[in-house]
Amino acid sequence: MTPVLLAGFCTSMAAIALGKLALANDRDGVDIGTAAVVTGIAAVTLCWAVVDAAGSITAVAVALAVVGLGSIAVGLGLITRNW
């Protein structure tokens, strides 16, 4: 699977996770953490797609990587704390 297709798939899964989180009546830390992890994975795959398209590491790719990895770390922390 190419990086662009994978990034599109992960972004759509993040949109679904965030939509379900927004529509849920009873959210807990695990739900919020799961949405954060899925969104972080989408940001990291978007970073990979940007690097693949540009042919080198750009400021946008670095920003996406930092945001993605930070979101994954926060999400895993929320999941672990609220399990």
N, C-alpha and C. Protein backbone atom coordinates (compact mmCIF):
# COMPACT_ATOMS: atom_id res chain seq x y z
N MET A 1 0.85 -1.17 0.00
CA MET A 1 0.00 0.00 0.00
C MET A 1 0.90 1.24 0.00
N THR A 2 0.56 2.18 -0.83
CA THR A 2 1.39 3.38 -0.90
C THR A 2 1.15 4.26 0.33
N PRO A 3 2.10 5.11 0.65
CA PRO A 3 1.93 5.97 1.83
C PRO A 3 0.70 6.88 1.73
N VAL A 4 0.37 7.33 0.54
CA VAL A 4 -0.79 8.22 0.39
C VAL A 4 -2.08 7.47 0.68
N LEU A 5 -2.20 6.25 0.17
CA LEU A 5 -3.41 5.47 0.45
C LEU A 5 -3.51 5.12 1.93
N LEU A 6 -2.40 4.75 2.53
CA LEU A 6 -2.40 4.44 3.95
C LEU A 6 -2.75 5.67 4.78
N ALA A 7 -2.21 6.82 4.40
CA ALA A 7 -2.53 8.06 5.12
C ALA A 7 -4.01 8.40 4.97
N GLY A 8 -4.57 8.19 3.80
CA GLY A 8 -6.00 8.43 3.59
C GLY A 8 -6.85 7.51 4.44
N PHE A 9 -6.48 6.24 4.50
CA PHE A 9 -7.21 5.28 5.32
C PHE A 9 -7.14 5.65 6.80
N CYS A 10 -5.93 5.96 7.28
CA CYS A 10 -5.76 6.30 8.70
C CYS A 10 -6.48 7.60 9.05
N THR A 11 -6.49 8.55 8.13
CA THR A 11 -7.19 9.81 8.37
C THR A 11 -8.70 9.57 8.45
N SER A 12 -9.21 8.70 7.60
CA SER A 12 -10.65 8.40 7.68
C SER A 12 -10.99 7.66 8.98
N MET A 13 -10.12 6.77 9.43
CA MET A 13 -10.36 6.10 10.71
C MET A 13 -10.30 7.09 11.87
N ALA A 14 -9.40 8.07 11.79
CA ALA A 14 -9.33 9.10 12.83
C ALA A 14 -10.59 9.95 12.83
N ALA A 15 -11.11 10.26 11.65
CA ALA A 15 -12.35 11.03 11.57
C ALA A 15 -13.52 10.25 12.18
N ILE A 16 -13.56 8.96 11.93
CA ILE A 16 -14.61 8.12 12.52
C ILE A 16 -14.47 8.07 14.04
N ALA A 17 -13.25 7.89 14.53
CA ALA A 17 -13.02 7.83 15.99
C ALA A 17 -13.39 9.14 16.66
N LEU A 18 -13.02 10.26 16.05
CA LEU A 18 -13.36 11.56 16.63
C LEU A 18 -14.86 11.83 16.54
N GLY A 19 -15.50 11.39 15.47
CA GLY A 19 -16.94 11.54 15.34
C GLY A 19 -17.69 10.73 16.39
N LYS A 20 -17.26 9.48 16.59
CA LYS A 20 -17.89 8.65 17.62
C LYS A 20 -17.67 9.24 19.00
N LEU A 21 -16.49 9.82 19.23
CA LEU A 21 -16.20 10.45 20.52
C LEU A 21 -17.10 11.67 20.73
N ALA A 22 -17.30 12.45 19.68
CA ALA A 22 -18.13 13.64 19.80
C ALA A 22 -19.60 13.30 20.04
N LEU A 23 -20.06 12.18 19.49
CA LEU A 23 -21.47 11.81 19.62
C LEU A 23 -21.77 10.95 20.84
N ALA A 24 -20.75 10.48 21.53
CA ALA A 24 -20.96 9.62 22.69
C ALA A 24 -21.51 10.40 23.87
N ASN A 25 -22.43 9.79 24.57
CA ASN A 25 -23.01 10.44 25.75
C ASN A 25 -22.15 10.25 26.99
N ASP A 26 -21.53 9.10 27.11
CA ASP A 26 -20.72 8.83 28.30
C ASP A 26 -19.29 8.49 27.88
N ARG A 27 -18.46 9.52 27.80
CA ARG A 27 -17.06 9.35 27.43
C ARG A 27 -16.23 9.08 28.68
N ASP A 28 -15.22 8.26 28.52
CA ASP A 28 -14.27 8.09 29.61
C ASP A 28 -12.87 8.27 29.06
N GLY A 29 -11.87 8.14 29.91
CA GLY A 29 -10.49 8.36 29.50
C GLY A 29 -10.01 7.38 28.45
N VAL A 30 -10.54 6.16 28.47
CA VAL A 30 -10.13 5.17 27.48
C VAL A 30 -10.63 5.58 26.09
N ASP A 31 -11.85 6.08 26.01
CA ASP A 31 -12.38 6.53 24.72
C ASP A 31 -11.57 7.70 24.17
N ILE A 32 -11.27 8.65 25.04
CA ILE A 32 -10.48 9.81 24.61
C ILE A 32 -9.07 9.39 24.22
N GLY A 33 -8.46 8.49 24.99
CA GLY A 33 -7.13 8.00 24.68
C GLY A 33 -7.08 7.23 23.38
N THR A 34 -8.10 6.43 23.12
CA THR A 34 -8.15 5.67 21.86
C THR A 34 -8.25 6.62 20.67
N ALA A 35 -9.09 7.63 20.78
CA ALA A 35 -9.20 8.61 19.70
C ALA A 35 -7.88 9.36 19.51
N ALA A 36 -7.18 9.65 20.59
CA ALA A 36 -5.88 10.32 20.48
C ALA A 36 -4.84 9.44 19.80
N VAL A 37 -4.84 8.15 20.14
CA VAL A 37 -3.89 7.23 19.51
C VAL A 37 -4.17 7.10 18.01
N VAL A 38 -5.43 6.94 17.65
CA VAL A 38 -5.79 6.80 16.23
C VAL A 38 -5.44 8.08 15.47
N THR A 39 -5.69 9.23 16.07
CA THR A 39 -5.35 10.50 15.43
C THR A 39 -3.83 10.66 15.30
N GLY A 40 -3.09 10.22 16.30
CA GLY A 40 -1.63 10.27 16.23
C GLY A 40 -1.07 9.37 15.14
N ILE A 41 -1.65 8.19 15.00
CA ILE A 41 -1.21 7.28 13.94
C ILE A 41 -1.49 7.92 12.58
N ALA A 42 -2.63 8.58 12.44
CA ALA A 42 -2.94 9.27 11.18
C ALA A 42 -1.92 10.37 10.89
N ALA A 43 -1.52 11.11 11.92
CA ALA A 43 -0.53 12.17 11.72
C ALA A 43 0.83 11.60 11.33
N VAL A 44 1.22 10.49 11.92
CA VAL A 44 2.51 9.87 11.56
C VAL A 44 2.48 9.33 10.14
N THR A 45 1.37 8.73 9.73
CA THR A 45 1.30 8.25 8.34
C THR A 45 1.25 9.42 7.36
N LEU A 46 0.62 10.53 7.75
CA LEU A 46 0.67 11.72 6.90
C LEU A 46 2.10 12.24 6.79
N CYS A 47 2.86 12.16 7.87
CA CYS A 47 4.27 12.54 7.84
C CYS A 47 5.03 11.68 6.83
N TRP A 48 4.78 10.39 6.86
CA TRP A 48 5.43 9.48 5.93
C TRP A 48 5.06 9.81 4.48
N ALA A 49 3.78 10.14 4.25
CA ALA A 49 3.34 10.50 2.90
C ALA A 49 3.99 11.80 2.43
N VAL A 50 4.15 12.77 3.33
CA VAL A 50 4.81 14.03 2.97
C VAL A 50 6.27 13.79 2.63
N VAL A 51 6.95 12.98 3.43
CA VAL A 51 8.36 12.68 3.15
C VAL A 51 8.50 11.93 1.83
N ASP A 52 7.58 11.01 1.57
CA ASP A 52 7.63 10.25 0.31
C ASP A 52 7.38 11.16 -0.89
N ALA A 53 6.43 12.09 -0.76
CA ALA A 53 6.10 12.97 -1.87
C ALA A 53 7.19 14.02 -2.10
N ALA A 54 7.74 14.56 -1.03
CA ALA A 54 8.75 15.61 -1.15
C ALA A 54 10.13 15.06 -1.47
N GLY A 55 10.38 13.83 -1.10
CA GLY A 55 11.69 13.24 -1.33
C GLY A 55 12.70 13.56 -0.25
N SER A 56 12.34 14.40 0.68
CA SER A 56 13.23 14.73 1.79
C SER A 56 12.37 15.15 2.98
N ILE A 57 13.03 15.28 4.12
CA ILE A 57 12.32 15.68 5.33
C ILE A 57 12.11 17.20 5.30
N THR A 58 10.86 17.62 5.48
CA THR A 58 10.52 19.03 5.48
C THR A 58 10.03 19.44 6.87
N ALA A 59 9.81 20.73 7.04
CA ALA A 59 9.32 21.24 8.32
C ALA A 59 7.91 20.70 8.60
N VAL A 60 7.12 20.55 7.56
CA VAL A 60 5.76 20.01 7.73
C VAL A 60 5.83 18.57 8.22
N ALA A 61 6.74 17.79 7.66
CA ALA A 61 6.89 16.40 8.09
C ALA A 61 7.34 16.31 9.54
N VAL A 62 8.25 17.16 9.93
CA VAL A 62 8.72 17.16 11.32
C VAL A 62 7.57 17.55 12.26
N ALA A 63 6.80 18.57 11.88
CA ALA A 63 5.67 18.99 12.71
C ALA A 63 4.64 17.88 12.84
N LEU A 64 4.33 17.20 11.74
CA LEU A 64 3.39 16.08 11.78
C LEU A 64 3.90 14.96 12.66
N ALA A 65 5.20 14.68 12.58
CA ALA A 65 5.78 13.62 13.39
C ALA A 65 5.71 13.96 14.88
N VAL A 66 6.02 15.20 15.23
CA VAL A 66 5.99 15.62 16.63
C VAL A 66 4.57 15.56 17.17
N VAL A 67 3.62 16.09 16.41
CA VAL A 67 2.22 16.08 16.84
C VAL A 67 1.71 14.64 16.94
N GLY A 68 2.04 13.82 15.96
CA GLY A 68 1.58 12.43 15.95
C GLY A 68 2.14 11.62 17.11
N LEU A 69 3.43 11.72 17.33
CA LEU A 69 4.04 10.95 18.42
C LEU A 69 3.58 11.47 19.78
N GLY A 70 3.39 12.77 19.89
CA GLY A 70 2.87 13.33 21.14
C GLY A 70 1.45 12.87 21.41
N SER A 71 0.63 12.84 20.37
CA SER A 71 -0.75 12.38 20.52
C SER A 71 -0.81 10.90 20.91
N ILE A 72 0.06 10.11 20.31
CA ILE A 72 0.11 8.69 20.65
C ILE A 72 0.52 8.51 22.11
N ALA A 73 1.54 9.27 22.55
CA ALA A 73 2.01 9.15 23.93
C ALA A 73 0.92 9.57 24.92
N VAL A 74 0.24 10.67 24.65
CA VAL A 74 -0.82 11.12 25.54
C VAL A 74 -1.97 10.12 25.54
N GLY A 75 -2.32 9.62 24.37
CA GLY A 75 -3.40 8.64 24.28
C GLY A 75 -3.09 7.36 25.04
N LEU A 76 -1.87 6.87 24.90
CA LEU A 76 -1.49 5.66 25.64
C LEU A 76 -1.49 5.91 27.14
N GLY A 77 -1.08 7.12 27.54
CA GLY A 77 -1.13 7.46 28.95
C GLY A 77 -2.55 7.49 29.48
N LEU A 78 -3.48 8.06 28.71
CA LEU A 78 -4.88 8.08 29.12
C LEU A 78 -5.47 6.67 29.19
N ILE A 79 -5.16 5.86 28.22
CA ILE A 79 -5.68 4.49 28.22
C ILE A 79 -5.15 3.73 29.43
N THR A 80 -3.86 3.85 29.69
CA THR A 80 -3.25 3.15 30.82
C THR A 80 -3.81 3.63 32.15
N ARG A 81 -3.98 4.92 32.28
CA ARG A 81 -4.45 5.49 33.55
C ARG A 81 -5.91 5.15 33.83
N ASN A 82 -6.74 5.09 32.81
CA ASN A 82 -8.18 4.93 33.00
C ASN A 82 -8.69 3.52 32.72
N TRP A 83 -7.82 2.59 32.47
CA TRP A 83 -8.27 1.23 32.13
C TRP A 83 -8.93 0.61 33.29
